[in-house]
PDB file of N, CA and C in Angstrom:
ATOM      1  N   MET A   1      13.389  16.829 -11.332  1.00  0.00           N
ATOM      2  CA  MET A   1      12.365  16.032 -11.745  1.00  0.00           C
ATOM      3  C   MET A   1      11.559  16.770 -12.973  1.00  0.00           C
ATOM      4  N   ASP A   2      11.301  15.852 -13.984  1.00  0.00           N
ATOM      5  CA  ASP A   2      10.557  16.535 -15.075  1.00  0.00           C
ATOM      6  C   ASP A   2       9.027  16.741 -14.709  1.00  0.00           C
ATOM      7  N   LYS A   3       8.283  17.611 -15.443  1.00  0.00           N
ATOM      8  CA  LYS A   3       6.905  17.882 -15.015  1.00  0.00           C
ATOM      9  C   LYS A   3       5.984  16.592 -15.328  1.00  0.00           C
ATOM     10  N   GLN A   4       6.215  15.738 -16.240  1.00  0.00           N
ATOM     11  CA  GLN A   4       5.555  14.622 -16.373  1.00  0.00           C
ATOM     12  C   GLN A   4       5.631  13.581 -15.418  1.00  0.00           C
ATOM     13  N   ARG A   5       6.799  13.348 -14.801  1.00  0.00           N
ATOM     14  CA  ARG A   5       6.792  12.507 -13.717  1.00  0.00           C
ATOM     15  C   ARG A   5       6.158  12.965 -12.364  1.00  0.00           C
ATOM     16  N   LEU A   6       6.409  14.294 -12.089  1.00  0.00           N
ATOM     17  CA  LEU A   6       5.840  15.037 -11.200  1.00  0.00           C
ATOM     18  C   LEU A   6       4.457  14.778 -11.063  1.00  0.00           C
ATOM     19  N   TRP A   7       3.730  15.091 -12.365  1.00  0.00           N
ATOM     20  CA  TRP A   7       2.204  14.912 -12.345  1.00  0.00           C
ATOM     21  C   TRP A   7       1.767  13.553 -12.149  1.00  0.00           C
ATOM     22  N   GLU A   8       2.617  12.679 -12.698  1.00  0.00           N
ATOM     23  CA  GLU A   8       2.190  11.260 -12.433  1.00  0.00           C
ATOM     24  C   GLU A   8       2.132  10.915 -10.825  1.00  0.00           C
ATOM     25  N   GLN A   9       3.061  11.466 -10.111  1.00  0.00           N
ATOM     26  CA  GLN A   9       3.081  11.213  -8.690  1.00  0.00           C
ATOM     27  C   GLN A   9       2.030  11.882  -7.996  1.00  0.00           C
ATOM     28  N   VAL A  10       1.696  13.037  -8.541  1.00  0.00           N
ATOM     29  CA  VAL A  10       0.431  13.813  -7.898  1.00  0.00           C
ATOM     30  C   VAL A  10      -0.781  12.934  -8.261  1.00  0.00           C
ATOM     31  N   LEU A  11      -0.989  12.515  -9.638  1.00  0.00           N
ATOM     32  CA  LEU A  11      -2.147  11.706  -9.889  1.00  0.00           C
ATOM     33  C   LEU A  11      -2.086  10.504  -9.066  1.00  0.00           C
ATOM     34  N   ASP A  12      -1.131   9.753  -8.836  1.00  0.00           N
ATOM     35  CA  ASP A  12      -1.115   8.607  -7.912  1.00  0.00           C
ATOM     36  C   ASP A  12      -1.722   8.903  -6.591  1.00  0.00           C
ATOM     37  N   GLU A  13      -1.167  10.100  -6.067  1.00  0.00           N
ATOM     38  CA  GLU A  13      -1.779  10.416  -4.742  1.00  0.00           C
ATOM     39  C   GLU A  13      -3.170  10.783  -4.727  1.00  0.00           C
ATOM     40  N   MET A  14      -3.639  11.478  -5.774  1.00  0.00           N
ATOM     41  CA  MET A  14      -5.023  11.869  -5.925  1.00  0.00           C
ATOM     42  C   MET A  14      -5.959  10.722  -6.151  1.00  0.00           C
ATOM     43  N   GLU A  15      -5.377   9.573  -6.800  1.00  0.00           N
ATOM     44  CA  GLU A  15      -6.195   8.524  -7.150  1.00  0.00           C
ATOM     45  C   GLU A  15      -6.467   7.597  -5.820  1.00  0.00           C
ATOM     46  N   SER A  16      -5.379   7.794  -5.011  1.00  0.00           N
ATOM     47  CA  SER A  16      -5.664   7.074  -3.594  1.00  0.00           C
ATOM     48  C   SER A  16      -6.691   7.815  -2.756  1.00  0.00           C
ATOM     49  N   ARG A  17      -6.934   9.010  -2.824  1.00  0.00           N
ATOM     50  CA  ARG A  17      -7.733   9.736  -2.056  1.00  0.00           C
ATOM     51  C   ARG A  17      -9.148  10.073  -2.352  1.00  0.00           C
ATOM     52  N   ILE A  18      -9.508   9.974  -3.567  1.00  0.00           N
ATOM     53  CA  ILE A  18     -10.831  10.204  -4.128  1.00  0.00           C
ATOM     54  C   ILE A  18     -11.436   8.940  -4.738  1.00  0.00           C
ATOM     55  N   SER A  19     -12.622   9.028  -4.903  1.00  0.00           N
ATOM     56  CA  SER A  19     -13.316   7.935  -5.485  1.00  0.00           C
ATOM     57  C   SER A  19     -12.791   7.602  -6.947  1.00  0.00           C
ATOM     58  N   LYS A  20     -12.798   6.433  -7.519  1.00  0.00           N
ATOM     59  CA  LYS A  20     -12.458   6.039  -8.858  1.00  0.00           C
ATOM     60  C   LYS A  20     -13.076   6.808  -9.811  1.00  0.00           C
ATOM     61  N   PRO A  21     -14.583   6.796  -9.745  1.00  0.00           N
ATOM     62  CA  PRO A  21     -15.325   7.744 -10.678  1.00  0.00           C
ATOM     63  C   PRO A  21     -14.939   9.140 -10.712  1.00  0.00           C
ATOM     64  N   SER A  22     -14.780   9.636  -9.647  1.00  0.00           N
ATOM     65  CA  SER A  22     -14.509  11.108  -9.541  1.00  0.00           C
ATOM     66  C   SER A  22     -13.038  11.242 -10.184  1.00  0.00           C
ATOM     67  N   PHE A  23     -12.115  10.308  -9.917  1.00  0.00           N
ATOM     68  CA  PHE A  23     -10.756  10.352 -10.584  1.00  0.00           C
ATOM     69  C   PHE A  23     -10.767  10.363 -11.857  1.00  0.00           C
ATOM     70  N   GLU A  24     -11.451   9.427 -12.484  1.00  0.00           N
ATOM     71  CA  GLU A  24     -11.450   9.162 -14.000  1.00  0.00           C
ATOM     72  C   GLU A  24     -12.148  10.204 -14.645  1.00  0.00           C
ATOM     73  N   THR A  25     -13.244  10.755 -13.976  1.00  0.00           N
ATOM     74  CA  THR A  25     -14.113  11.790 -14.609  1.00  0.00           C
ATOM     75  C   THR A  25     -13.341  13.176 -14.671  1.00  0.00           C
ATOM     76  N   TRP A  26     -12.687  13.502 -13.576  1.00  0.00           N
ATOM     77  CA  TRP A  26     -12.217  14.788 -13.317  1.00  0.00           C
ATOM     78  C   TRP A  26     -10.772  15.099 -13.377  1.00  0.00           C
ATOM     79  N   VAL A  27     -10.025  14.113 -12.746  1.00  0.00           N
ATOM     80  CA  VAL A  27      -8.540  14.272 -12.565  1.00  0.00           C
ATOM     81  C   VAL A  27      -7.715  13.719 -13.667  1.00  0.00           C
ATOM     82  N   ALA A  28      -8.083  12.448 -13.987  1.00  0.00           N
ATOM     83  CA  ALA A  28      -7.116  11.740 -15.005  1.00  0.00           C
ATOM     84  C   ALA A  28      -6.683  12.467 -16.275  1.00  0.00           C
ATOM     85  N   LYS A  29      -7.680  13.223 -16.761  1.00  0.00           N
ATOM     86  CA  LYS A  29      -7.270  14.000 -18.168  1.00  0.00           C
ATOM     87  C   LYS A  29      -6.468  15.344 -17.982  1.00  0.00           C
ATOM     88  N   THR A  30      -5.992  15.568 -16.799  1.00  0.00           N
ATOM     89  CA  THR A  30      -5.196  16.644 -16.480  1.00  0.00           C
ATOM     90  C   THR A  30      -3.814  16.626 -16.756  1.00  0.00           C
ATOM     91  N   ARG A  31      -3.013  17.655 -16.839  1.00  0.00           N
ATOM     92  CA  ARG A  31      -1.757  17.717 -17.026  1.00  0.00           C
ATOM     93  C   ARG A  31      -1.110  18.933 -16.641  1.00  0.00           C
ATOM     94  N   ILE A  32       0.242  18.954 -16.228  1.00  0.00           N
ATOM     95  CA  ILE A  32       0.888  20.153 -15.918  1.00  0.00           C
ATOM     96  C   ILE A  32       1.194  21.092 -17.196  1.00  0.00           C
ATOM     97  N   GLU A  33       0.763  22.134 -17.193  1.00  0.00           N
ATOM     98  CA  GLU A  33       1.141  23.059 -18.188  1.00  0.00           C
ATOM     99  C   GLU A  33       2.309  23.880 -18.046  1.00  0.00           C
ATOM    100  N   THR A  34       2.633  24.311 -16.791  1.00  0.00           N
ATOM    101  CA  THR A  34       3.705  25.046 -16.592  1.00  0.00           C
ATOM    102  C   THR A  34       4.143  24.917 -15.101  1.00  0.00           C
ATOM    103  N   ILE A  35       5.495  24.798 -14.705  1.00  0.00           N
ATOM    104  CA  ILE A  35       5.984  24.851 -13.480  1.00  0.00           C
ATOM    105  C   ILE A  35       6.867  26.091 -13.182  1.00  0.00           C
ATOM    106  N   ASP A  36       6.551  26.991 -12.174  1.00  0.00           N
ATOM    107  CA  ASP A  36       7.226  28.095 -11.985  1.00  0.00           C
ATOM    108  C   ASP A  36       7.929  27.840 -10.446  1.00  0.00           C
ATOM    109  N   GLU A  37       9.192  27.195 -10.538  1.00  0.00           N
ATOM    110  CA  GLU A  37       9.891  26.921  -9.314  1.00  0.00           C
ATOM    111  C   GLU A  37      10.152  28.190  -8.518  1.00  0.00           C
ATOM    112  N   GLU A  38      10.423  29.235  -9.210  1.00  0.00           N
ATOM    113  CA  GLU A  38      10.873  30.419  -8.479  1.00  0.00           C
ATOM    114  C   GLU A  38       9.732  30.967  -7.621  1.00  0.00           C
ATOM    115  N   LYS A  39       8.613  30.845  -8.177  1.00  0.00           N
ATOM    116  CA  LYS A  39       7.412  31.497  -7.452  1.00  0.00           C
ATOM    117  C   LYS A  39       6.705  30.244  -6.818  1.00  0.00           C
ATOM    118  N   GLY A  40       7.012  28.990  -6.886  1.00  0.00           N
ATOM    119  CA  GLY A  40       6.486  28.061  -6.241  1.00  0.00           C
ATOM    120  C   GLY A  40       5.028  27.543  -6.334  1.00  0.00           C
ATOM    121  N   TYR A  41       4.852  27.485  -7.887  1.00  0.00           N
ATOM    122  CA  TYR A  41       3.436  27.000  -8.266  1.00  0.00           C
ATOM    123  C   TYR A  41       3.536  26.368  -9.650  1.00  0.00           C
ATOM    124  N   ILE A  42       2.599  25.751  -9.775  1.00  0.00           N
ATOM    125  CA  ILE A  42       2.257  24.894 -11.173  1.00  0.00           C
ATOM    126  C   ILE A  42       0.953  25.379 -11.570  1.00  0.00           C
ATOM    127  N   VAL A  43       0.809  25.307 -12.994  1.00  0.00           N
ATOM    128  CA  VAL A  43      -0.437  25.640 -13.612  1.00  0.00           C
ATOM    129  C   VAL A  43      -0.950  24.157 -14.088  1.00  0.00           C
ATOM    130  N   VAL A  44      -2.039  23.771 -13.797  1.00  0.00           N
ATOM    131  CA  VAL A  44      -2.723  22.366 -14.290  1.00  0.00           C
ATOM    132  C   VAL A  44      -3.544  22.751 -15.275  1.00  0.00           C
ATOM    133  N   GLU A  45      -3.412  21.970 -16.506  1.00  0.00           N
ATOM    134  CA  GLU A  45      -4.400  22.299 -17.584  1.00  0.00           C
ATOM    135  C   GLU A  45      -5.467  21.149 -17.611  1.00  0.00           C
ATOM    136  N   ALA A  46      -6.760  21.464 -17.751  1.00  0.00           N
ATOM    137  CA  ALA A  46      -7.829  20.545 -17.922  1.00  0.00           C
ATOM    138  C   ALA A  46      -8.274  20.520 -19.184  1.00  0.00           C
ATOM    139  N   PRO A  47      -9.087  19.575 -19.613  1.00  0.00           N
ATOM    140  CA  PRO A  47      -9.683  19.440 -20.821  1.00  0.00           C
ATOM    141  C   PRO A  47     -10.579  20.597 -21.262  1.00  0.00           C
ATOM    142  N   ASN A  48     -11.201  21.212 -20.417  1.00  0.00           N
ATOM    143  CA  ASN A  48     -12.227  22.233 -20.789  1.00  0.00           C
ATOM    144  C   ASN A  48     -12.251  23.115 -19.482  1.00  0.00           C
ATOM    145  N   GLU A  49     -12.972  24.353 -19.611  1.00  0.00           N
ATOM    146  CA  GLU A  49     -13.194  25.364 -18.652  1.00  0.00           C
ATOM    147  C   GLU A  49     -14.118  24.785 -17.438  1.00  0.00           C
ATOM    148  N   PHE A  50     -15.182  24.003 -17.694  1.00  0.00           N
ATOM    149  CA  PHE A  50     -16.037  23.389 -16.830  1.00  0.00           C
ATOM    150  C   PHE A  50     -15.295  22.498 -15.850  1.00  0.00           C
ATOM    151  N   THR A  51     -14.387  21.734 -16.369  1.00  0.00           N
ATOM    152  CA  THR A  51     -13.639  20.680 -15.674  1.00  0.00           C
ATOM    153  C   THR A  51     -12.637  21.464 -14.801  1.00  0.00           C
ATOM    154  N   ALA A  52     -12.038  22.535 -15.322  1.00  0.00           N
ATOM    155  CA  ALA A  52     -11.091  23.284 -14.686  1.00  0.00           C
ATOM    156  C   ALA A  52     -11.819  24.003 -13.375  1.00  0.00           C
ATOM    157  N   ASP A  53     -12.933  24.557 -13.664  1.00  0.00           N
ATOM    158  CA  ASP A  53     -13.761  25.227 -12.425  1.00  0.00           C
ATOM    159  C   ASP A  53     -14.263  24.240 -11.475  1.00  0.00           C
ATOM    160  N   TRP A  54     -14.528  23.184 -11.898  1.00  0.00           N
ATOM    161  CA  TRP A  54     -15.014  21.893 -10.854  1.00  0.00           C
ATOM    162  C   TRP A  54     -13.794  21.603 -10.256  1.00  0.00           C
ATOM    163  N   LEU A  55     -12.748  21.334 -10.636  1.00  0.00           N
ATOM    164  CA  LEU A  55     -11.616  20.957  -9.895  1.00  0.00           C
ATOM    165  C   LEU A  55     -11.100  22.008  -8.909  1.00  0.00           C
ATOM    166  N   ASP A  56     -11.159  23.161  -9.426  1.00  0.00           N
ATOM    167  CA  ASP A  56     -10.571  24.343  -8.593  1.00  0.00           C
ATOM    168  C   ASP A  56     -11.515  24.418  -7.492  1.00  0.00           C
ATOM    169  N   SER A  57     -13.023  24.162  -7.613  1.00  0.00           N
ATOM    170  CA  SER A  57     -13.890  24.538  -6.391  1.00  0.00           C
ATOM    171  C   SER A  57     -13.610  23.248  -5.453  1.00  0.00           C
ATOM    172  N   ARG A  58     -13.295  22.076  -5.873  1.00  0.00           N
ATOM    173  CA  ARG A  58     -13.586  20.915  -5.075  1.00  0.00           C
ATOM    174  C   ARG A  58     -12.044  20.403  -4.621  1.00  0.00           C
ATOM    175  N   TYR A  59     -10.932  20.481  -5.457  1.00  0.00           N
ATOM    176  CA  TYR A  59      -9.786  19.996  -5.165  1.00  0.00           C
ATOM    177  C   TYR A  59      -8.728  20.968  -4.970  1.00  0.00           C
ATOM    178  N   ARG A  60      -8.880  22.164  -4.945  1.00  0.00           N
ATOM    179  CA  ARG A  60      -7.744  23.310  -4.898  1.00  0.00           C
ATOM    180  C   ARG A  60      -6.756  22.851  -3.726  1.00  0.00           C
ATOM    181  N   ASP A  61      -7.499  22.575  -2.390  1.00  0.00           N
ATOM    182  CA  ASP A  61      -6.733  22.334  -1.258  1.00  0.00           C
ATOM    183  C   ASP A  61      -5.852  21.055  -1.355  1.00  0.00           C
ATOM    184  N   GLU A  62      -6.547  20.163  -2.002  1.00  0.00           N
ATOM    185  CA  GLU A  62      -5.733  18.712  -2.184  1.00  0.00           C
ATOM    186  C   GLU A  62      -4.485  19.028  -2.955  1.00  0.00           C
ATOM    187  N   LEU A  63      -4.683  19.989  -4.071  1.00  0.00           N
ATOM    188  CA  LEU A  63      -3.633  19.941  -5.034  1.00  0.00           C
ATOM    189  C   LEU A  63      -2.493  20.986  -4.485  1.00  0.00           C
ATOM    190  N   GLU A  64      -2.778  21.791  -3.628  1.00  0.00           N
ATOM    191  CA  GLU A  64      -1.974  22.858  -3.058  1.00  0.00           C
ATOM    192  C   GLU A  64      -0.687  22.208  -2.078  1.00  0.00           C
TER     193      GLU A  64
END
């Protein structure tokens, strides 16, 4: 599966779990930067550092 399709599935799932305003403000503008299948992780790119920190502190568990 390509990374865009994978991230669209993650976004769909997140959209169903959090409020619409939170999703649109914090999650919708993110994308996958890197997938490391060997190590089992992805790097998510956010539009700015503030958004990245906010997402990390509130949704890390949801995204893992």
